[in-house]
Amino acid sequence: MPAPTATASTTAPVMTRNTSPHRPLIVGVGGPPRERSTSEKALAVSLHAAAAAGADTLLITGPELDLPMYNLSDPHRTPAARHLVEAFRRRNGIIIASPAYHGSISG
């Protein structure tokens, strides 16, 4: 059975099942560590458009992005890190949202 994917809305992702193996997966990632930021809302709108065009979408933002730096000598990964890497492996496209701080884009 295919893995569930999230379809973006303007408020929160809604879990849906991938109905076709031929539908592209678009992963949206970004925003600050807090939930319901402006950049998260913009990312959700973008993913909503991708879903309307026939793509499956997955929104990864906020606390899910509080990831430790990768240490190649340590094979242990947090569940959030494994989820992000697996999403990137399955994706056909990525939309990245970066929050703006004091008039500039964060690194």
C-alpha atoms as a PDB file:
ATOM      1  CA  MET A   1       0.000   0.000   0.000  1.00  0.00           C
ATOM      2  CA  PRO A   2       1.440   3.447  -0.842  1.00  0.00           C
ATOM      3  CA  ALA A   3       2.656   5.665   1.964  1.00  0.00           C
ATOM      4  CA  PRO A   4       0.411   8.537   3.039  1.00  0.00           C
ATOM      5  CA  THR A   5       1.252  11.998   1.795  1.00  0.00           C
ATOM      6  CA  ALA A   6       0.094  15.380   3.019  1.00  0.00           C
ATOM      7  CA  THR A   7      -1.938  17.685   0.855  1.00  0.00           C
ATOM      8  CA  ALA A   8      -1.320  21.295   1.755  1.00  0.00           C
ATOM      9  CA  SER A   9      -4.065  23.681   2.725  1.00  0.00           C
ATOM     10  CA  THR A  10      -3.819  27.248   3.891  1.00  0.00           C
ATOM     11  CA  THR A  11      -4.029  26.125   7.514  1.00  0.00           C
ATOM     12  CA  ALA A  12      -2.547  22.651   8.007  1.00  0.00           C
ATOM     13  CA  PRO A  13      -1.615  19.583   5.987  1.00  0.00           C
ATOM     14  CA  VAL A  14      -4.304  16.951   5.481  1.00  0.00           C
ATOM     15  CA  MET A  15      -3.142  13.367   5.201  1.00  0.00           C
ATOM     16  CA  THR A  16      -4.224  11.577   2.021  1.00  0.00           C
ATOM     17  CA  ARG A  17      -3.257   8.334   0.347  1.00  0.00           C
ATOM     18  CA  ASN A  18      -1.294   8.417  -2.894  1.00  0.00           C
ATOM     19  CA  THR A  19      -3.870   7.181  -5.401  1.00  0.00           C
ATOM     20  CA  SER A  20      -1.508   6.700  -8.353  1.00  0.00           C
ATOM     21  CA  PRO A  21       2.169   5.778  -8.598  1.00  0.00           C
ATOM     22  CA  HIS A  22       2.340   8.111 -11.608  1.00  0.00           C
ATOM     23  CA  ARG A  23       1.491  11.284  -9.670  1.00  0.00           C
ATOM     24  CA  PRO A  24       4.572  13.382  -8.848  1.00  0.00           C
ATOM     25  CA  LEU A  25       5.429  14.054  -5.214  1.00  0.00           C
ATOM     26  CA  ILE A  26       6.226  17.671  -4.378  1.00  0.00           C
ATOM     27  CA  VAL A  27       7.847  18.224  -0.966  1.00  0.00           C
ATOM     28  CA  GLY A  28       7.506  21.658   0.626  1.00  0.00           C
ATOM     29  CA  VAL A  29      10.078  22.449   3.292  1.00  0.00           C
ATOM     30  CA  GLY A  30      11.005  25.557   5.211  1.00  0.00           C
ATOM     31  CA  GLY A  31       9.984  28.284   7.577  1.00  0.00           C
ATOM     32  CA  PRO A  32      11.116  28.992  11.137  1.00  0.00           C
ATOM     33  CA  PRO A  33      10.941  26.405  13.950  1.00  0.00           C
ATOM     34  CA  ARG A  34       7.601  27.783  15.176  1.00  0.00           C
ATOM     35  CA  GLU A  35       4.279  26.669  13.711  1.00  0.00           C
ATOM     36  CA  ARG A  36       1.870  28.773  11.608  1.00  0.00           C
ATOM     37  CA  SER A  37       4.451  31.268  10.364  1.00  0.00           C
ATOM     38  CA  THR A  38       3.882  33.458   7.328  1.00  0.00           C
ATOM     39  CA  SER A  39       6.421  31.472   5.295  1.00  0.00           C
ATOM     40  CA  GLU A  40       4.682  28.213   6.287  1.00  0.00           C
ATOM     41  CA  LYS A  41       1.367  29.641   5.074  1.00  0.00           C
ATOM     42  CA  ALA A  42       2.967  30.718   1.766  1.00  0.00           C
ATOM     43  CA  LEU A  43       4.449  27.249   1.360  1.00  0.00           C
ATOM     44  CA  ALA A  44       1.043  25.670   2.022  1.00  0.00           C
ATOM     45  CA  VAL A  45      -0.519  27.858  -0.691  1.00  0.00           C
ATOM     46  CA  SER A  46       2.182  26.728  -3.145  1.00  0.00           C
ATOM     47  CA  LEU A  47       1.598  23.079  -2.285  1.00  0.00           C
ATOM     48  CA  HIS A  48      -2.148  23.574  -2.631  1.00  0.00           C
ATOM     49  CA  ALA A  49      -1.532  24.779  -6.203  1.00  0.00           C
ATOM     50  CA  ALA A  50       0.677  21.739  -6.887  1.00  0.00           C
ATOM     51  CA  ALA A  51      -2.061  19.451  -5.549  1.00  0.00           C
ATOM     52  CA  ALA A  52      -4.648  21.192  -7.738  1.00  0.00           C
ATOM     53  CA  ALA A  53      -2.380  20.474 -10.725  1.00  0.00           C
ATOM     54  CA  GLY A  54      -2.382  16.752  -9.873  1.00  0.00           C
ATOM     55  CA  ALA A  55       0.610  16.271  -7.578  1.00  0.00           C
ATOM     56  CA  ASP A  56       0.787  14.579  -4.204  1.00  0.00           C
ATOM     57  CA  THR A  57       2.308  16.937  -1.659  1.00  0.00           C
ATOM     58  CA  LEU A  58       4.108  16.718   1.659  1.00  0.00           C
ATOM     59  CA  LEU A  59       4.550  19.734   3.951  1.00  0.00           C
ATOM     60  CA  ILE A  60       7.525  19.642   6.351  1.00  0.00           C
ATOM     61  CA  THR A  61       7.842  22.794   8.476  1.00  0.00           C
ATOM     62  CA  GLY A  62       8.112  24.143  11.988  1.00  0.00           C
ATOM     63  CA  PRO A  63       9.174  21.713  14.711  1.00  0.00           C
ATOM     64  CA  GLU A  64       9.779  18.963  12.119  1.00  0.00           C
ATOM     65  CA  LEU A  65      12.764  21.008  10.872  1.00  0.00           C
ATOM     66  CA  ASP A  66      14.495  21.179  14.254  1.00  0.00           C
ATOM     67  CA  LEU A  67      17.138  18.746  13.038  1.00  0.00           C
ATOM     68  CA  PRO A  68      20.640  18.111  14.401  1.00  0.00           C
ATOM     69  CA  MET A  69      23.566  18.607  12.046  1.00  0.00           C
ATOM     70  CA  TYR A  70      24.590  15.423  10.278  1.00  0.00           C
ATOM     71  CA  ASN A  71      27.702  13.726  11.613  1.00  0.00           C
ATOM     72  CA  LEU A  72      28.868  11.217   9.002  1.00  0.00           C
ATOM     73  CA  SER A  73      30.641   9.120  11.639  1.00  0.00           C
ATOM     74  CA  ASP A  74      27.393   8.688  13.630  1.00  0.00           C
ATOM     75  CA  PRO A  75      24.768   6.605  11.780  1.00  0.00           C
ATOM     76  CA  HIS A  76      21.997   7.525  14.298  1.00  0.00           C
ATOM     77  CA  ARG A  77      19.297   9.815  12.864  1.00  0.00           C
ATOM     78  CA  THR A  78      16.323  11.268  14.681  1.00  0.00           C
ATOM     79  CA  PRO A  79      12.864  10.240  13.439  1.00  0.00           C
ATOM     80  CA  ALA A  80      12.435  13.765  11.993  1.00  0.00           C
ATOM     81  CA  ALA A  81      15.742  13.508  10.130  1.00  0.00           C
ATOM     82  CA  ARG A  82      14.826  10.079   8.707  1.00  0.00           C
ATOM     83  CA  HIS A  83      11.402  11.417   7.633  1.00  0.00           C
ATOM     84  CA  LEU A  84      13.007  14.382   5.832  1.00  0.00           C
ATOM     85  CA  VAL A  85      15.631  12.261   4.047  1.00  0.00           C
ATOM     86  CA  GLU A  86      13.013   9.686   2.965  1.00  0.00           C
ATOM     87  CA  ALA A  87      10.753  12.462   1.641  1.00  0.00           C
ATOM     88  CA  PHE A  88      13.642  13.908  -0.372  1.00  0.00           C
ATOM     89  CA  ARG A  89      14.440  10.461  -1.799  1.00  0.00           C
ATOM     90  CA  ARG A  90      10.829   9.957  -2.970  1.00  0.00           C
ATOM     91  CA  ARG A  91      10.197  13.494  -4.242  1.00  0.00           C
ATOM     92  CA  ASN A  92       9.905  14.682  -7.824  1.00  0.00           C
ATOM     93  CA  GLY A  93      10.224  18.337  -6.836  1.00  0.00           C
ATOM     94  CA  ILE A  94      10.958  20.560  -3.848  1.00  0.00           C
ATOM     95  CA  ILE A  95       9.558  23.945  -2.872  1.00  0.00           C
ATOM     96  CA  ILE A  96      11.664  25.750  -0.261  1.00  0.00           C
ATOM     97  CA  ALA A  97      10.353  28.613   1.863  1.00  0.00           C
ATOM     98  CA  SER A  98      12.788  30.760   3.815  1.00  0.00           C
ATOM     99  CA  PRO A  99      11.584  33.163   6.486  1.00  0.00           C
ATOM    100  CA  ALA A 100      12.570  36.819   6.252  1.00  0.00           C
ATOM    101  CA  TYR A 101      14.242  38.415   9.252  1.00  0.00           C
ATOM    102  CA  HIS A 102      14.679  42.186   9.482  1.00  0.00           C
ATOM    103  CA  GLY A 103      14.341  42.693   5.737  1.00  0.00           C
ATOM    104  CA  SER A 104      16.589  39.855   4.537  1.00  0.00           C
ATOM    105  CA  ILE A 105      16.292  36.121   3.904  1.00  0.00           C
ATOM    106  CA  SER A 106      17.704  33.750   6.515  1.00  0.00           C
ATOM    107  CA  GLY A 107      20.555  31.371   5.700  1.00  0.00           C
END
